[in-house]
C-alpha atoms as a PDB file:
ATOM      1  CA  MET A   1     138.609 167.641 130.893  1.00  0.00           C
ATOM      2  CA  GLY A   2     135.681 165.244 131.234  1.00  0.00           C
ATOM      3  CA  TYR A   3     135.518 164.260 127.590  1.00  0.00           C
ATOM      4  CA  GLY A   4     137.482 162.073 125.187  1.00  0.00           C
ATOM      5  CA  LEU A   5     137.944 158.397 124.384  1.00  0.00           C
ATOM      6  CA  PRO A   6     139.859 155.771 126.371  1.00  0.00           C
ATOM      7  CA  SER A   7     143.041 154.568 124.696  1.00  0.00           C
ATOM      8  CA  LYS A   8     141.709 151.245 123.330  1.00  0.00           C
ATOM      9  CA  GLN A   9     138.358 152.500 122.021  1.00  0.00           C
ATOM     10  CA  LEU A  10     138.097 151.980 118.261  1.00  0.00           C
ATOM     11  CA  VAL A  11     137.617 155.059 116.059  1.00  0.00           C
ATOM     12  CA  SER A  12     136.268 154.951 112.488  1.00  0.00           C
ATOM     13  CA  VAL A  13     139.307 156.068 110.484  1.00  0.00           C
ATOM     14  CA  VAL A  14     139.267 156.361 106.695  1.00  0.00           C
ATOM     15  CA  GLY A  15     140.694 153.048 105.504  1.00  0.00           C
ATOM     16  CA  GLY A  16     139.639 150.996 108.529  1.00  0.00           C
ATOM     17  CA  CYS A  17     139.539 151.497 112.280  1.00  0.00           C
ATOM     18  CA  ARG A  18     142.170 152.482 114.831  1.00  0.00           C
ATOM     19  CA  GLN A  19     142.499 152.637 118.610  1.00  0.00           C
ATOM     20  CA  ALA A  20     142.035 156.127 120.022  1.00  0.00           C
ATOM     21  CA  ARG A  21     145.652 156.321 121.203  1.00  0.00           C
ATOM     22  CA  ASN A  22     146.910 155.674 117.666  1.00  0.00           C
ATOM     23  CA  VAL A  23     145.000 158.504 115.987  1.00  0.00           C
ATOM     24  CA  GLU A  24     147.463 161.221 114.975  1.00  0.00           C
ATOM     25  CA  VAL A  25     147.406 164.747 113.610  1.00  0.00           C
ATOM     26  CA  GLY A  26     146.598 164.443 109.907  1.00  0.00           C
ATOM     27  CA  SER A  27     144.506 161.293 110.330  1.00  0.00           C
ATOM     28  CA  LYS A  28     141.246 161.363 108.415  1.00  0.00           C
ATOM     29  CA  LEU A  29     138.148 160.284 110.354  1.00  0.00           C
ATOM     30  CA  TRP A  30     134.630 159.538 109.191  1.00  0.00           C
ATOM     31  CA  SER A  31     131.806 161.887 110.135  1.00  0.00           C
ATOM     32  CA  LEU A  32     128.142 162.424 109.246  1.00  0.00           C
ATOM     33  CA  ASP A  33     126.840 165.478 107.413  1.00  0.00           C
ATOM     34  CA  GLY A  34     123.093 165.065 107.407  1.00  0.00           C
ATOM     35  CA  THR A  35     122.412 161.743 105.715  1.00  0.00           C
ATOM     36  CA  ARG A  36     125.836 161.396 104.074  1.00  0.00           C
ATOM     37  CA  THR A  37     129.160 160.141 105.410  1.00  0.00           C
ATOM     38  CA  VAL A  38     132.004 162.626 104.928  1.00  0.00           C
ATOM     39  CA  GLN A  39     135.675 162.843 105.871  1.00  0.00           C
ATOM     40  CA  THR A  40     137.169 165.193 108.442  1.00  0.00           C
ATOM     41  CA  THR A  41     140.830 165.726 109.441  1.00  0.00           C
ATOM     42  CA  VAL A  42     142.507 165.681 112.855  1.00  0.00           C
ATOM     43  CA  VAL A  43     144.366 168.969 113.424  1.00  0.00           C
ATOM     44  CA  GLU A  44     145.120 168.547 117.146  1.00  0.00           C
ATOM     45  CA  VAL A  45     145.265 165.666 119.649  1.00  0.00           C
ATOM     46  CA  THR A  46     145.118 166.070 123.421  1.00  0.00           C
ATOM     47  CA  ALA A  47     145.378 163.444 126.158  1.00  0.00           C
ATOM     48  CA  VAL A  48     144.412 163.710 129.842  1.00  0.00           C
ATOM     49  CA  LYS A  49     143.916 161.383 132.780  1.00  0.00           C
ATOM     50  CA  ALA A  50     140.490 160.579 134.190  1.00  0.00           C
ATOM     51  CA  ARG A  51     139.029 158.364 136.900  1.00  0.00           C
ATOM     52  CA  GLU A  52     135.741 157.502 135.220  1.00  0.00           C
ATOM     53  CA  VAL A  53     134.275 156.572 131.826  1.00  0.00           C
ATOM     54  CA  VAL A  54     130.864 155.345 130.687  1.00  0.00           C
ATOM     55  CA  ASP A  55     129.932 152.397 128.489  1.00  0.00           C
ATOM     56  CA  VAL A  56     127.185 153.376 126.053  1.00  0.00           C
ATOM     57  CA  VAL A  57     125.090 150.304 125.210  1.00  0.00           C
ATOM     58  CA  THR A  58     123.095 150.771 121.991  1.00  0.00           C
ATOM     59  CA  ASP A  59     121.035 148.577 119.683  1.00  0.00           C
ATOM     60  CA  ARG A  60     124.131 148.172 117.513  1.00  0.00           C
ATOM     61  CA  VAL A  61     127.184 147.849 119.771  1.00  0.00           C
ATOM     62  CA  THR A  62     128.746 149.037 123.042  1.00  0.00           C
ATOM     63  CA  PHE A  63     131.375 151.776 123.008  1.00  0.00           C
ATOM     64  CA  THR A  64     133.191 153.686 125.741  1.00  0.00           C
ATOM     65  CA  VAL A  65     133.621 157.449 126.126  1.00  0.00           C
ATOM     66  CA  ALA A  66     134.071 160.037 128.867  1.00  0.00           C
ATOM     67  CA  PRO A  67     130.896 161.045 130.767  1.00  0.00           C
ATOM     68  CA  GLU A  68     130.966 164.566 129.268  1.00  0.00           C
ATOM     69  CA  GLN A  69     131.529 163.431 125.672  1.00  0.00           C
ATOM     70  CA  MET A  70     128.830 164.847 123.403  1.00  0.00           C
ATOM     71  CA  LEU A  71     126.726 162.366 121.416  1.00  0.00           C
ATOM     72  CA  GLY A  72     124.667 163.252 118.353  1.00  0.00           C
ATOM     73  CA  THR A  73     120.997 162.429 118.978  1.00  0.00           C
ATOM     74  CA  ALA A  74     117.706 163.035 117.197  1.00  0.00           C
ATOM     75  CA  GLU A  75     117.113 165.991 119.569  1.00  0.00           C
ATOM     76  CA  GLY A  76     120.609 167.456 119.238  1.00  0.00           C
ATOM     77  CA  TRP A  77     123.870 167.010 121.126  1.00  0.00           C
ATOM     78  CA  ILE A  78     123.721 165.481 124.621  1.00  0.00           C
ATOM     79  CA  ARG A  79     126.304 164.365 127.210  1.00  0.00           C
ATOM     80  CA  ALA A  80     127.028 160.657 127.208  1.00  0.00           C
ATOM     81  CA  LYS A  81     126.135 160.279 130.887  1.00  0.00           C
ATOM     82  CA  ASP A  82     122.597 161.570 130.142  1.00  0.00           C
ATOM     83  CA  ALA A  83     121.979 159.685 126.882  1.00  0.00           C
ATOM     84  CA  LYS A  84     119.926 156.721 128.143  1.00  0.00           C
ATOM     85  CA  GLY A  85     116.713 156.343 126.142  1.00  0.00           C
ATOM     86  CA  THR A  86     117.811 158.610 123.290  1.00  0.00           C
ATOM     87  CA  MET A  87     118.425 157.788 119.620  1.00  0.00           C
ATOM     88  CA  LEU A  88     121.991 158.269 118.386  1.00  0.00           C
ATOM     89  CA  ALA A  89     122.994 159.153 114.829  1.00  0.00           C
ATOM     90  CA  TRP A  90     124.638 156.037 113.419  1.00  0.00           C
ATOM     91  CA  SER A  91     126.177 154.742 110.203  1.00  0.00           C
ATOM     92  CA  ASP A  92     127.092 151.133 109.454  1.00  0.00           C
ATOM     93  CA  ALA A  93     130.845 151.005 110.130  1.00  0.00           C
ATOM     94  CA  ARG A  94     131.215 148.013 107.796  1.00  0.00           C
ATOM     95  CA  LYS A  95     130.173 150.188 104.833  1.00  0.00           C
ATOM     96  CA  LEU A  96     132.415 153.170 105.527  1.00  0.00           C
ATOM     97  CA  CYS A  97     135.300 151.914 103.387  1.00  0.00           C
ATOM     98  CA  ARG A  98     133.225 151.031 100.328  1.00  0.00           C
ATOM     99  CA  GLU A  99     133.605 152.770  96.988  1.00  0.00           C
ATOM    100  CA  ARG A 100     131.145 155.621  96.436  1.00  0.00           C
ATOM    101  CA  PRO A 101     130.640 156.107  92.694  1.00  0.00           C
ATOM    102  CA  ALA A 102     129.445 159.493  91.476  1.00  0.00           C
ATOM    103  CA  ILE A 103     125.906 158.916  90.168  1.00  0.00           C
ATOM    104  CA  ARG A 104     124.955 161.336  87.377  1.00  0.00           C
ATOM    105  CA  PRO A 105     121.391 162.179  86.298  1.00  0.00           C
ATOM    106  CA  CYS A 106     121.161 161.644  82.545  1.00  0.00           C
ATOM    107  CA  TYR A 107     119.359 159.534  79.942  1.00  0.00           C
ATOM    108  CA  GLU A 108     121.638 156.569  80.728  1.00  0.00           C
ATOM    109  CA  PHE A 109     120.851 156.809  84.437  1.00  0.00           C
ATOM    110  CA  GLY A 110     117.133 156.725  83.711  1.00  0.00           C
ATOM    111  CA  TYR A 111     117.565 153.747  81.368  1.00  0.00           C
ATOM    112  CA  PHE A 112     119.537 151.835  84.016  1.00  0.00           C
ATOM    113  CA  VAL A 113     116.863 152.477  86.676  1.00  0.00           C
ATOM    114  CA  GLY A 114     114.001 151.600  84.314  1.00  0.00           C
ATOM    115  CA  ALA A 115     115.554 148.349  83.099  1.00  0.00           C
ATOM    116  CA  THR A 116     116.395 147.361  86.684  1.00  0.00           C
ATOM    117  CA  CYS A 117     112.805 148.017  87.788  1.00  0.00           C
ATOM    118  CA  ALA A 118     111.545 145.849  84.934  1.00  0.00           C
ATOM    119  CA  ASP A 119     113.965 142.919  84.768  1.00  0.00           C
ATOM    120  CA  GLY A 120     116.790 143.532  87.246  1.00  0.00           C
ATOM    121  CA  THR A 121     117.703 142.100  90.624  1.00  0.00           C
ATOM    122  CA  VAL A 122     118.932 144.160  93.568  1.00  0.00           C
ATOM    123  CA  GLY A 123     120.897 142.078  96.075  1.00  0.00           C
ATOM    124  CA  ARG A 124     122.527 142.978  99.358  1.00  0.00           C
ATOM    125  CA  ASN A 125     125.672 144.220  97.629  1.00  0.00           C
ATOM    126  CA  TYR A 126     125.045 143.910  93.895  1.00  0.00           C
ATOM    127  CA  VAL A 127     122.773 144.891  91.020  1.00  0.00           C
ATOM    128  CA  SER A 128     122.247 142.503  88.107  1.00  0.00           C
ATOM    129  CA  LEU A 129     120.195 141.952  84.965  1.00  0.00           C
ATOM    130  CA  VAL A 130     119.670 138.599  83.218  1.00  0.00           C
ATOM    131  CA  VAL A 131     117.906 138.696  79.837  1.00  0.00           C
ATOM    132  CA  ASN A 132     117.742 136.711  76.604  1.00  0.00           C
ATOM    133  CA  GLU A 133     118.657 139.565  74.240  1.00  0.00           C
ATOM    134  CA  GLU A 134     122.338 140.436  73.936  1.00  0.00           C
ATOM    135  CA  ASP A 135     121.571 143.946  72.605  1.00  0.00           C
ATOM    136  CA  PHE A 136     119.426 144.726  75.665  1.00  0.00           C
ATOM    137  CA  ALA A 137     122.133 143.512  78.036  1.00  0.00           C
ATOM    138  CA  ALA A 138     124.785 145.527  76.163  1.00  0.00           C
ATOM    139  CA  ARG A 139     122.725 148.735  76.357  1.00  0.00           C
ATOM    140  CA  TYR A 140     122.112 148.147  80.067  1.00  0.00           C
ATOM    141  CA  ALA A 141     125.818 147.646  80.733  1.00  0.00           C
ATOM    142  CA  GLY A 142     126.759 150.748  78.768  1.00  0.00           C
ATOM    143  CA  CYS A 143     124.182 152.926  80.518  1.00  0.00           C
ATOM    144  CA  LEU A 144     125.162 151.631  83.956  1.00  0.00           C
ATOM    145  CA  THR A 145     128.812 152.463  83.304  1.00  0.00           C
ATOM    146  CA  LYS A 146     128.105 155.942  81.923  1.00  0.00           C
ATOM    147  CA  ALA A 147     125.753 156.847  84.782  1.00  0.00           C
ATOM    148  CA  THR A 148     127.933 155.542  87.639  1.00  0.00           C
ATOM    149  CA  GLY A 149     131.458 155.003  86.321  1.00  0.00           C
ATOM    150  CA  LEU A 150     131.354 151.383  87.474  1.00  0.00           C
ATOM    151  CA  ALA A 151     132.708 148.769  85.079  1.00  0.00           C
ATOM    152  CA  ALA A 152     129.997 146.470  83.731  1.00  0.00           C
ATOM    153  CA  ARG A 153     130.395 143.610  81.296  1.00  0.00           C
ATOM    154  CA  LEU A 154     128.268 140.913  79.688  1.00  0.00           C
ATOM    155  CA  GLU A 155     128.461 137.250  80.661  1.00  0.00           C
ATOM    156  CA  PRO A 156     126.799 134.453  78.667  1.00  0.00           C
ATOM    157  CA  VAL A 157     124.611 132.344  80.952  1.00  0.00           C
ATOM    158  CA  THR A 158     121.841 129.772  80.746  1.00  0.00           C
ATOM    159  CA  ARG A 159     118.617 129.772  82.724  1.00  0.00           C
ATOM    160  CA  PRO A 160     115.607 127.446  82.910  1.00  0.00           C
ATOM    161  CA  SER A 161     112.508 128.213  80.880  1.00  0.00           C
ATOM    162  CA  GLY A 162     109.216 126.999  82.342  1.00  0.00           C
ATOM    163  CA  TYR A 163     107.488 127.440  79.002  1.00  0.00           C
ATOM    164  CA  LEU A 164     110.064 125.538  76.903  1.00  0.00           C
ATOM    165  CA  ARG A 165     110.915 123.127  79.739  1.00  0.00           C
ATOM    166  CA  ARG A 166     114.642 123.439  79.070  1.00  0.00           C
ATOM    167  CA  ASP A 167     117.565 125.746  79.708  1.00  0.00           C
ATOM    168  CA  VAL A 168     117.821 128.687  77.330  1.00  0.00           C
ATOM    169  CA  PRO A 169     120.857 130.900  76.631  1.00  0.00           C
ATOM    170  CA  GLY A 170     120.949 134.460  77.925  1.00  0.00           C
ATOM    171  CA  PHE A 171     123.222 137.239  79.069  1.00  0.00           C
ATOM    172  CA  ARG A 172     123.942 138.640  82.502  1.00  0.00           C
ATOM    173  CA  VAL A 173     125.253 142.015  83.640  1.00  0.00           C
ATOM    174  CA  ARG A 174     126.267 142.043  87.302  1.00  0.00           C
ATOM    175  CA  VAL A 175     127.995 144.838  89.229  1.00  0.00           C
ATOM    176  CA  VAL A 176     129.092 144.325  92.837  1.00  0.00           C
ATOM    177  CA  SER A 177     128.491 147.588  94.719  1.00  0.00           C
ATOM    178  CA  SER A 178     126.637 147.841  98.014  1.00  0.00           C
ATOM    179  CA  TYR A 179     126.477 151.614  97.471  1.00  0.00           C
ATOM    180  CA  LEU A 180     124.598 151.238  94.181  1.00  0.00           C
ATOM    181  CA  ALA A 181     122.386 148.489  95.638  1.00  0.00           C
ATOM    182  CA  ASP A 182     121.480 150.748  98.578  1.00  0.00           C
ATOM    183  CA  ALA A 183     120.748 153.585  96.134  1.00  0.00           C
ATOM    184  CA  MET A 184     118.398 151.407  94.068  1.00  0.00           C
ATOM    185  CA  ARG A 185     116.544 150.252  97.194  1.00  0.00           C
ATOM    186  CA  GLN A 186     116.124 153.885  98.212  1.00  0.00           C
ATOM    187  CA  TYR A 187     114.824 154.863  94.758  1.00  0.00           C
ATOM    188  CA  VAL A 188     112.034 152.253  94.883  1.00  0.00           C
ATOM    189  CA  GLY A 189     111.005 152.771  98.506  1.00  0.00           C
ATOM    190  CA  GLY A 190     113.136 150.178 100.274  1.00  0.00           C
ATOM    191  CA  ASP A 191     111.844 146.906  98.799  1.00  0.00           C
ATOM    192  CA  PRO A 192     113.157 146.223  95.272  1.00  0.00           C
ATOM    193  CA  HIS A 193     110.864 143.239  94.648  1.00  0.00           C
ATOM    194  CA  HIS A 194     109.044 143.849  91.365  1.00  0.00           C
ATOM    195  CA  MET A 195     105.619 143.381  92.948  1.00  0.00           C
ATOM    196  CA  ARG A 196     106.317 145.723  95.876  1.00  0.00           C
ATOM    197  CA  GLN A 197     108.641 148.364  94.463  1.00  0.00           C
ATOM    198  CA  ARG A 198     107.386 151.932  94.274  1.00  0.00           C
ATOM    199  CA  PHE A 199     107.760 154.173  91.282  1.00  0.00           C
ATOM    200  CA  PRO A 200     111.328 155.664  91.418  1.00  0.00           C
ATOM    201  CA  ARG A 201     110.579 159.387  91.412  1.00  0.00           C
ATOM    202  CA  VAL A 202     114.315 160.073  91.256  1.00  0.00           C
ATOM    203  CA  VAL A 203     113.977 159.701  87.445  1.00  0.00           C
ATOM    204  CA  LEU A 204     111.777 162.830  87.331  1.00  0.00           C
ATOM    205  CA  ARG A 205     114.833 165.047  87.727  1.00  0.00           C
ATOM    206  CA  ASP A 206     114.634 166.144  84.073  1.00  0.00           C
ATOM    207  CA  ILE A 207     112.955 165.058  80.850  1.00  0.00           C
ATOM    208  CA  ASP A 208     116.043 163.280  79.458  1.00  0.00           C
ATOM    209  CA  THR A 209     116.359 161.097  82.569  1.00  0.00           C
ATOM    210  CA  PHE A 210     112.645 160.252  82.471  1.00  0.00           C
ATOM    211  CA  VAL A 211     112.726 159.381  78.762  1.00  0.00           C
ATOM    212  CA  GLY A 212     115.645 157.054  79.516  1.00  0.00           C
ATOM    213  CA  PHE A 213     113.569 155.439  82.265  1.00  0.00           C
ATOM    214  CA  LEU A 214     110.653 154.848  79.881  1.00  0.00           C
ATOM    215  CA  ASP A 215     112.957 153.284  77.292  1.00  0.00           C
ATOM    216  CA  GLY A 216     114.622 150.971  79.805  1.00  0.00           C
ATOM    217  CA  TYR A 217     111.377 149.969  81.526  1.00  0.00           C
ATOM    218  CA  ALA A 218     109.531 149.342  78.258  1.00  0.00           C
ATOM    219  CA  GLU A 219     112.390 147.276  76.867  1.00  0.00           C
ATOM    220  CA  GLY A 220     112.206 145.019  79.889  1.00  0.00           C
ATOM    221  CA  ASP A 221     108.485 144.814  80.561  1.00  0.00           C
ATOM    222  CA  GLY A 222     106.868 146.040  77.366  1.00  0.00           C
ATOM    223  CA  PHE A 223     106.754 146.031  73.607  1.00  0.00           C
ATOM    224  CA  ARG A 224     106.504 148.521  70.726  1.00  0.00           C
ATOM    225  CA  HIS A 225     103.451 148.517  68.488  1.00  0.00           C
ATOM    226  CA  LYS A 226     103.993 147.895  64.788  1.00  0.00           C
ATOM    227  CA  LYS A 227     101.064 149.873  63.364  1.00  0.00           C
ATOM    228  CA  TRP A 228     101.202 153.065  65.430  1.00  0.00           C
ATOM    229  CA  ASP A 229     103.750 155.116  67.389  1.00  0.00           C
ATOM    230  CA  GLY A 230     103.585 153.862  70.918  1.00  0.00           C
ATOM    231  CA  ARG A 231     104.434 151.155  73.415  1.00  0.00           C
ATOM    232  CA  THR A 232     102.640 149.078  76.006  1.00  0.00           C
ATOM    233  CA  VAL A 233     104.133 148.078  79.345  1.00  0.00           C
ATOM    234  CA  ILE A 234     102.797 145.149  81.353  1.00  0.00           C
ATOM    235  CA  SER A 235     102.995 144.647  85.122  1.00  0.00           C
ATOM    236  CA  SER A 236     101.060 143.231  88.045  1.00  0.00           C
ATOM    237  CA  ASN A 237     102.327 146.072  90.249  1.00  0.00           C
ATOM    238  CA  VAL A 238      99.245 148.280  89.894  1.00  0.00           C
ATOM    239  CA  PRO A 239     100.353 151.172  92.179  1.00  0.00           C
ATOM    240  CA  PHE A 240     103.549 151.456  90.105  1.00  0.00           C
ATOM    241  CA  LEU A 241     101.565 151.746  86.860  1.00  0.00           C
ATOM    242  CA  VAL A 242      99.033 154.146  88.413  1.00  0.00           C
ATOM    243  CA  GLU A 243     101.812 156.575  89.339  1.00  0.00           C
ATOM    244  CA  LEU A 244     103.467 156.245  85.940  1.00  0.00           C
ATOM    245  CA  ALA A 245     100.143 156.892  84.179  1.00  0.00           C
ATOM    246  CA  GLN A 246      99.634 160.115  86.148  1.00  0.00           C
ATOM    247  CA  ILE A 247     103.073 161.384  85.138  1.00  0.00           C
ATOM    248  CA  ILE A 248     102.508 160.842  81.414  1.00  0.00           C
ATOM    249  CA  GLY A 249      98.843 161.901  81.518  1.00  0.00           C
ATOM    250  CA  ALA A 250      97.524 158.535  80.358  1.00  0.00           C
ATOM    251  CA  ARG A 251      94.278 156.793  81.230  1.00  0.00           C
ATOM    252  CA  PHE A 252      94.838 153.525  83.067  1.00  0.00           C
ATOM    253  CA  THR A 253      92.364 150.840  84.104  1.00  0.00           C
ATOM    254  CA  PRO A 254      93.806 147.981  86.184  1.00  0.00           C
ATOM    255  CA  ARG A 255      92.905 144.433  85.293  1.00  0.00           C
ATOM    256  CA  PRO A 256      91.117 142.223  87.849  1.00  0.00           C
ATOM    257  CA  LYS A 257      93.281 140.977  90.690  1.00  0.00           C
ATOM    258  CA  GLY A 258      95.525 138.124  89.583  1.00  0.00           C
ATOM    259  CA  SER A 259      95.925 139.416  86.038  1.00  0.00           C
ATOM    260  CA  SER A 260      98.725 141.586  84.690  1.00  0.00           C
ATOM    261  CA  SER A 261      97.695 145.139  83.827  1.00  0.00           C
ATOM    262  CA  GLN A 262      98.725 147.103  80.752  1.00  0.00           C
ATOM    263  CA  LEU A 263      99.599 150.774  80.311  1.00  0.00           C
ATOM    264  CA  VAL A 264      99.754 152.295  76.830  1.00  0.00           C
ATOM    265  CA  ILE A 265     102.450 154.941  76.300  1.00  0.00           C
ATOM    266  CA  THR A 266     102.066 156.955  73.119  1.00  0.00           C
ATOM    267  CA  ASP A 267     105.200 158.551  71.654  1.00  0.00           C
ATOM    268  CA  ARG A 268     103.362 161.904  71.810  1.00  0.00           C
ATOM    269  CA  TRP A 269     102.798 161.814  75.555  1.00  0.00           C
ATOM    270  CA  GLN A 270     105.013 164.890  76.141  1.00  0.00           C
ATOM    271  CA  ALA A 271     102.494 167.071  74.253  1.00  0.00           C
ATOM    272  CA  ARG A 272     100.069 166.623  77.159  1.00  0.00           C
ATOM    273  CA  GLY A 273     102.313 168.790  79.361  1.00  0.00           C
ATOM    274  CA  THR A 274     101.873 166.629  82.447  1.00  0.00           C
ATOM    275  CA  PHE A 275     105.557 166.084  83.216  1.00  0.00           C
ATOM    276  CA  VAL A 276     106.776 168.137  86.192  1.00  0.00           C
ATOM    277  CA  PRO A 277     110.473 167.900  87.202  1.00  0.00           C
ATOM    278  CA  GLU A 278     111.233 166.926  90.795  1.00  0.00           C
ATOM    279  CA  ARG A 279     114.432 166.931  92.824  1.00  0.00           C
ATOM    280  CA  HIS A 280     115.278 163.775  94.737  1.00  0.00           C
ATOM    281  CA  PRO A 281     118.657 162.710  96.161  1.00  0.00           C
ATOM    282  CA  LEU A 282     120.761 160.446  93.953  1.00  0.00           C
ATOM    283  CA  GLU A 283     123.039 159.332  96.795  1.00  0.00           C
ATOM    284  CA  PRO A 284     121.750 156.713  99.244  1.00  0.00           C
ATOM    285  CA  ASN A 285     121.030 157.701 102.837  1.00  0.00           C
ATOM    286  CA  GLU A 286     123.994 156.426 104.878  1.00  0.00           C
ATOM    287  CA  SER A 287     122.704 157.451 108.307  1.00  0.00           C
ATOM    288  CA  ALA A 288     120.305 155.738 110.669  1.00  0.00           C
ATOM    289  CA  TRP A 289     119.453 155.729 114.376  1.00  0.00           C
ATOM    290  CA  ALA A 290     120.604 153.532 117.231  1.00  0.00           C
ATOM    291  CA  GLY A 291     118.697 153.436 120.499  1.00  0.00           C
ATOM    292  CA  VAL A 292     120.648 153.811 123.760  1.00  0.00           C
ATOM    293  CA  ASN A 293     119.579 150.990 126.059  1.00  0.00           C
ATOM    294  CA  GLU A 294     121.908 151.588 128.991  1.00  0.00           C
ATOM    295  CA  ILE A 295     124.672 153.864 130.306  1.00  0.00           C
ATOM    296  CA  ARG A 296     127.125 152.043 132.576  1.00  0.00           C
ATOM    297  CA  ARG A 297     129.550 154.083 134.663  1.00  0.00           C
ATOM    298  CA  ARG A 298     132.974 152.527 135.102  1.00  0.00           C
ATOM    299  CA  ALA A 299     135.669 153.731 137.521  1.00  0.00           C
ATOM    300  CA  ALA A 300     139.398 153.269 137.049  1.00  0.00           C
ATOM    301  CA  ALA A 301     140.848 150.235 138.831  1.00  0.00           C
ATOM    302  CA  GLY A 302     143.264 150.977 141.642  1.00  0.00           C
ATOM    303  CA  THR A 303     145.641 153.861 141.119  1.00  0.00           C
ATOM    304  CA  LYS A 304     145.880 153.538 137.317  1.00  0.00           C
ATOM    305  CA  PRO A 305     143.676 156.171 135.629  1.00  0.00           C
ATOM    306  CA  PHE A 306     142.120 156.137 132.177  1.00  0.00           C
ATOM    307  CA  ILE A 307     143.922 158.101 129.485  1.00  0.00           C
ATOM    308  CA  LEU A 308     141.354 160.040 127.441  1.00  0.00           C
ATOM    309  CA  TYR A 309     142.151 161.180 123.900  1.00  0.00           C
ATOM    310  CA  ASP A 310     140.362 164.088 122.277  1.00  0.00           C
ATOM    311  CA  TYR A 311     140.596 165.486 118.739  1.00  0.00           C
ATOM    312  CA  HIS A 312     140.142 168.908 117.235  1.00  0.00           C
ATOM    313  CA  LEU A 313     138.844 168.344 113.698  1.00  0.00           C
ATOM    314  CA  ASP A 314     138.393 170.283 110.490  1.00  0.00           C
ATOM    315  CA  PRO A 315     136.043 170.837 108.713  1.00  0.00           C
ATOM    316  CA  CYS A 316     133.504 168.719 110.640  1.00  0.00           C
ATOM    317  CA  PRO A 317     133.738 168.775 114.467  1.00  0.00           C
ATOM    318  CA  GLY A 318     132.087 165.372 114.895  1.00  0.00           C
ATOM    319  CA  PHE A 319     133.432 161.888 114.139  1.00  0.00           C
ATOM    320  CA  LEU A 320     132.244 158.299 114.270  1.00  0.00           C
ATOM    321  CA  VAL A 321     133.009 155.862 117.087  1.00  0.00           C
ATOM    322  CA  ASN A 322     131.880 152.369 116.082  1.00  0.00           C
ATOM    323  CA  GLY A 323     129.573 154.187 113.662  1.00  0.00           C
ATOM    324  CA  HIS A 324     128.055 156.527 116.317  1.00  0.00           C
ATOM    325  CA  LEU A 325     128.460 160.298 115.941  1.00  0.00           C
ATOM    326  CA  VAL A 326     130.316 162.051 118.777  1.00  0.00           C
ATOM    327  CA  ARG A 327     132.232 165.315 119.301  1.00  0.00           C
ATOM    328  CA  ARG A 328     133.895 167.402 122.000  1.00  0.00           C
ATOM    329  CA  PRO A 329     131.814 170.009 123.925  1.00  0.00           C
ATOM    330  CA  ARG A 330     131.873 173.485 122.447  1.00  0.00           C
END
């Protein structure tokens, strides 16, 4: 058998990582199913001796497998010894153990996304909103919890006001979740900065979700008119407003560069019949690619051979080694 992992090679096990020799029948390993990480179970373990292994040097890390071990690449499965110059399917091993909340499309989900696009902050591993109005912060926290199941609470804070030249009281909602932060970055095209974010088409899943988005976005970056039924939203992100105007069938004329533009949203916009539902993934993409820079062959020293461990898995045949997708030959 020319495939398997040497005894000390780390394997991505659910709950952490483990040396190949310590993986047992019943152990749950991480795998990739398209763009999502999934769990698969070890149903059989075999061990054989071998005289040679290869070190696979990628953009991310170096790992060691048998020369015949199959690696998942952009072109399909390929033997490790022939993988130089290819791109391997990869997932960040540091994020495998994080909590993955079930995100539900609903009015509350749309409101959470809209308010975050208007006034929120998306960090490396958190999503937060800091506003002056307690009612706004409370609605945001409630919608976030209902849409994701994550606990969110209000915190009284102070922040500087350039206009008043003093600190003013406010309220903050902050949820630590790299999964949710990655999802928000995906929704807005990768860059969550308010001036560079794209319109989050994930909220077009159904009319309730989109109405929630409009309510959340307008509460953050808009105002309701007192003398007629409608709202106006204000932003300097013109492409964002252009896309939103097309969805609601509104006319939109950007202001000159350097000025904030305004988009009027009448409460009767649905009568125009311009809304078309779209399906976009709610879960963040957890897969990426790692380039193989070098394949180094390594022979056993002296008379002591390598012990290679191989796993038969169910339901997914592949598993992650330092985040890279591998499997046994068919």
